Amino acid sequence: MIKRIFEILFSIIVLLLLWPIILMSSLVIFFEDFHNPFFIQKRLGKNKVNFNLIKLRTMAIDSPQLGTHEVNKNLYLKSSFLLRKFKIDELPQFINVLLGNMTIVGPRPCLPSQNRLIEARDKKHVFEFTPGITGISQLKKIMMDQEDIQSTVDSLYGKTETKSLYFYLYCIVCTVYKFDRNLSLINNLIKKYTNYDEVSSSP
């Protein structure tokens, strides 16, 4: 209950403080191709329930419904570099947090069409957790084509250490400011509970 109250208050504060940035970014996107600057996509949430993920659009309006790693880079908008670099495109997801279909720290929500990832997550019980804006895989930059690694790492949300307030705030702060560039806490958890000594993103 305390965590949920915090998430509601935190999301409201973020949206109130950063709405000028969201507005300016949406105008930049709109004037680039004169289409809706917001992007709504079906994702799988807790217990594989579909929900509408809300983001700022960083690709052409007719881009295929695929994972980021599967999309042709030529489909990215010119404005996408800065939006993605500073994670501005992610800010509308705090609306999803307010709606309750996402949390701030949790597994990255996948597409209903990502069958291999869904199968791997089923084996590791990842769908027992609410998907998050940031978290272990996001901070470690583990892509969705690394199905087994990502699912194994995201299964750590069932461990006691990841349920602590400290871990929750650690992930949030590391997302905003890299105070622990080595992500030592996350790396120690990965070494403790998995067969991986180190995990990195796809090349």
Protein backbone atom coordinates (compact mmCIF):
# COMPACT_ATOMS: atom_id res chain seq x y z
CA MET A 1 0.00 0.00 0.00
CA ILE A 2 2.82 2.42 0.88
CA LYS A 3 4.56 1.65 -2.40
CA ARG A 4 1.37 2.27 -4.38
CA ILE A 5 0.77 5.61 -2.62
CA PHE A 6 4.37 6.60 -3.35
CA GLU A 7 4.00 5.64 -7.02
CA ILE A 8 0.82 7.68 -7.40
CA LEU A 9 2.35 10.75 -5.76
CA PHE A 10 5.66 10.36 -7.61
CA SER A 11 3.91 9.96 -10.98
CA ILE A 12 1.72 13.02 -10.39
CA ILE A 13 4.77 15.09 -9.44
CA VAL A 14 6.73 13.91 -12.50
CA LEU A 15 3.85 14.67 -14.86
CA LEU A 16 3.17 18.08 -13.28
CA LEU A 17 6.83 19.12 -13.30
CA LEU A 18 7.74 17.75 -16.71
CA TRP A 19 4.57 18.40 -18.71
CA PRO A 20 6.27 21.37 -20.50
CA ILE A 21 8.98 18.98 -21.74
CA ILE A 22 6.37 16.44 -22.83
CA LEU A 23 4.41 19.20 -24.59
CA MET A 24 7.45 20.64 -26.39
CA SER A 25 8.62 17.18 -27.40
CA SER A 26 5.18 16.28 -28.74
CA LEU A 27 5.17 19.47 -30.83
CA VAL A 28 8.60 18.64 -32.25
CA ILE A 29 7.35 15.18 -33.22
CA PHE A 30 4.13 16.56 -34.70
CA PHE A 31 5.86 19.12 -36.87
CA GLU A 32 8.30 16.51 -38.13
CA ASP A 33 5.64 14.45 -39.92
CA PHE A 34 2.26 16.00 -38.89
CA HIS A 35 0.97 12.86 -37.19
CA ASN A 36 -0.10 12.04 -33.64
CA PRO A 37 3.01 12.48 -31.44
CA PHE A 38 1.78 9.90 -28.95
CA PHE A 39 2.25 6.19 -29.45
CA ILE A 40 -0.13 3.65 -27.94
CA GLN A 41 0.78 -0.02 -28.20
CA LYS A 42 -0.65 -3.22 -26.77
CA ARG A 43 1.69 -4.83 -24.25
CA LEU A 44 1.41 -7.77 -21.87
CA GLY A 45 1.08 -6.84 -18.23
CA LYS A 46 0.84 -8.83 -15.03
CA ASN A 47 -0.68 -12.28 -15.59
CA LYS A 48 -0.41 -11.63 -19.36
CA VAL A 49 -3.30 -9.15 -19.33
CA ASN A 50 -3.16 -6.75 -22.30
CA PHE A 51 -2.87 -3.03 -21.63
CA ASN A 52 -2.18 0.09 -23.70
CA LEU A 53 1.36 1.39 -23.23
CA ILE A 54 1.63 5.17 -23.72
CA LYS A 55 4.83 6.73 -25.08
CA LEU A 56 5.95 9.62 -27.21
CA ARG A 57 6.36 8.37 -30.78
CA THR A 58 9.95 8.06 -32.00
CA MET A 59 9.28 6.16 -35.24
CA ALA A 60 7.36 6.71 -38.46
CA ILE A 61 3.60 6.39 -38.12
CA ASP A 62 3.47 3.24 -40.28
CA SER A 63 6.25 1.36 -38.46
CA PRO A 64 5.55 -2.35 -37.85
CA GLN A 65 4.46 -3.48 -34.40
CA LEU A 66 7.80 -5.01 -33.45
CA GLY A 67 10.30 -4.79 -30.62
CA THR A 68 12.81 -1.95 -30.79
CA HIS A 69 15.66 -4.32 -31.66
CA GLU A 70 13.68 -5.66 -34.66
CA VAL A 71 12.79 -2.35 -36.31
CA ASN A 72 14.69 -0.88 -39.25
CA LYS A 73 16.68 2.08 -37.96
CA ASN A 74 15.60 4.13 -40.99
CA LEU A 75 12.12 4.29 -39.49
CA TYR A 76 13.28 6.40 -36.55
CA LEU A 77 12.34 10.07 -36.58
CA LYS A 78 15.08 12.69 -36.63
CA SER A 79 13.96 13.85 -33.21
CA SER A 80 14.18 10.33 -31.78
CA PHE A 81 17.88 10.49 -30.90
CA LEU A 82 17.50 13.08 -28.12
CA LEU A 83 14.10 11.77 -27.02
CA ARG A 84 15.47 8.28 -26.52
CA LYS A 85 18.86 9.38 -25.16
CA PHE A 86 17.24 11.34 -22.33
CA LYS A 87 14.29 8.91 -22.04
CA ILE A 88 11.80 11.70 -22.70
CA ASP A 89 9.71 9.30 -24.80
CA GLU A 90 9.19 7.19 -21.65
CA LEU A 91 7.62 9.96 -19.56
CA PRO A 92 3.97 9.33 -20.60
CA GLN A 93 4.31 5.85 -19.08
CA PHE A 94 3.74 7.51 -15.71
CA ILE A 95 0.12 7.69 -16.86
CA ASN A 96 0.23 3.89 -17.04
CA VAL A 97 1.57 3.87 -13.48
CA LEU A 98 -1.35 6.03 -12.34
CA LEU A 99 -3.76 3.66 -14.10
CA GLY A 100 -2.17 0.74 -12.25
CA ASN A 101 -1.12 -1.37 -15.23
CA MET A 102 2.56 -0.51 -14.75
CA THR A 103 4.85 0.10 -11.81
CA ILE A 104 7.98 2.25 -11.71
CA VAL A 105 10.40 -0.65 -11.10
CA GLY A 106 9.70 -3.98 -12.77
CA PRO A 107 10.24 -6.11 -15.90
CA ARG A 108 10.02 -4.39 -19.27
CA PRO A 109 6.55 -5.06 -20.78
CA CYS A 110 6.68 -7.18 -23.93
CA LEU A 111 4.56 -7.34 -27.07
CA PRO A 112 1.88 -10.06 -27.40
CA SER A 113 3.65 -11.17 -30.59
CA GLN A 114 7.03 -11.86 -28.94
CA ASN A 115 6.38 -15.58 -28.61
CA ARG A 116 9.92 -16.70 -27.74
CA LEU A 117 10.19 -14.12 -24.99
CA ILE A 118 6.72 -14.98 -23.67
CA GLU A 119 7.66 -18.67 -23.53
CA ALA A 120 10.89 -17.88 -21.67
CA ARG A 121 9.05 -15.59 -19.24
CA ASP A 122 6.41 -18.24 -18.58
CA LYS A 123 9.14 -20.68 -17.53
CA LYS A 124 10.60 -18.12 -15.13
CA HIS A 125 7.21 -16.85 -13.82
CA VAL A 126 8.01 -13.27 -14.88
CA PHE A 127 4.35 -12.55 -15.61
CA GLU A 128 3.67 -12.73 -11.89
CA PHE A 129 5.19 -9.25 -11.64
CA THR A 130 3.79 -5.91 -12.79
CA PRO A 131 5.89 -4.48 -15.67
CA GLY A 132 7.93 -1.37 -14.94
CA ILE A 133 9.32 1.76 -16.53
CA THR A 134 12.78 0.92 -15.24
CA GLY A 135 14.37 -2.04 -13.52
CA ILE A 136 17.07 -4.68 -13.71
CA SER A 137 16.94 -5.44 -17.45
CA GLN A 138 16.46 -1.80 -18.36
CA LEU A 139 19.47 -0.65 -16.34
CA LYS A 140 21.62 -3.52 -17.61
CA LYS A 141 20.43 -2.78 -21.18
CA ILE A 142 19.42 -6.39 -21.74
CA MET A 143 17.46 -6.45 -24.98
CA MET A 144 14.32 -8.47 -25.67
CA ASP A 145 16.11 -10.69 -28.18
CA GLN A 146 18.12 -12.03 -25.22
CA GLU A 147 15.08 -14.00 -24.14
CA ASP A 148 16.66 -16.47 -21.73
CA ILE A 149 18.97 -13.95 -20.09
CA GLN A 150 16.30 -11.29 -19.71
CA SER A 151 13.75 -13.74 -18.31
CA THR A 152 16.25 -15.18 -15.83
CA VAL A 153 17.27 -11.72 -14.65
CA ASP A 154 13.68 -10.47 -14.41
CA SER A 155 12.74 -13.52 -12.33
CA LEU A 156 14.84 -11.90 -9.57
CA TYR A 157 11.83 -9.71 -8.72
CA GLY A 158 10.64 -12.72 -6.73
CA LYS A 159 13.66 -12.51 -4.41
CA THR A 160 13.47 -10.82 -1.03
CA GLU A 161 16.23 -8.30 -1.83
CA THR A 162 14.37 -6.84 -4.80
CA LYS A 163 11.22 -6.30 -2.74
CA SER A 164 12.97 -3.88 -0.38
CA LEU A 165 12.38 -0.13 -0.47
CA TYR A 166 16.13 0.36 -0.83
CA PHE A 167 16.30 -1.68 -4.04
CA TYR A 168 13.24 0.12 -5.41
CA LEU A 169 14.75 3.57 -4.78
CA TYR A 170 18.17 2.36 -5.97
CA CYS A 171 16.75 1.50 -9.41
CA ILE A 172 14.94 4.83 -9.67
CA VAL A 173 18.01 6.86 -8.71
CA CYS A 174 20.30 4.84 -11.00
CA THR A 175 17.93 5.58 -13.89
CA VAL A 176 17.96 9.33 -13.25
CA TYR A 177 21.57 9.66 -12.10
CA LYS A 178 24.31 7.02 -12.47
CA PHE A 179 25.54 7.24 -8.89
CA ASP A 180 26.55 3.56 -9.12
CA ARG A 181 27.94 3.26 -12.64
CA ASN A 182 28.91 -0.37 -12.09
CA LEU A 183 25.43 -1.31 -10.85
CA SER A 184 27.14 -3.33 -8.14
CA LEU A 185 23.94 -4.15 -6.25
CA ILE A 186 22.26 -5.58 -9.34
CA ASN A 187 25.41 -7.42 -10.43
CA ASN A 188 25.71 -9.03 -6.99
CA LEU A 189 22.10 -10.24 -7.19
CA ILE A 190 22.68 -11.69 -10.65
CA LYS A 191 25.79 -13.54 -9.46
CA LYS A 192 24.02 -14.79 -6.34
CA TYR A 193 20.88 -16.18 -7.94
CA THR A 194 21.77 -17.03 -11.56
CA ASN A 195 24.43 -18.86 -13.53
CA TYR A 196 25.64 -15.58 -15.01
CA ASP A 197 28.75 -13.88 -13.63
CA GLU A 198 28.02 -10.79 -15.73
CA VAL A 199 25.25 -9.74 -18.06
CA SER A 200 25.49 -7.14 -20.79
CA SER A 201 23.38 -5.86 -23.65
CA SER A 202 23.29 -7.23 -27.18
CA PRO A 203 26.02 -5.87 -29.47
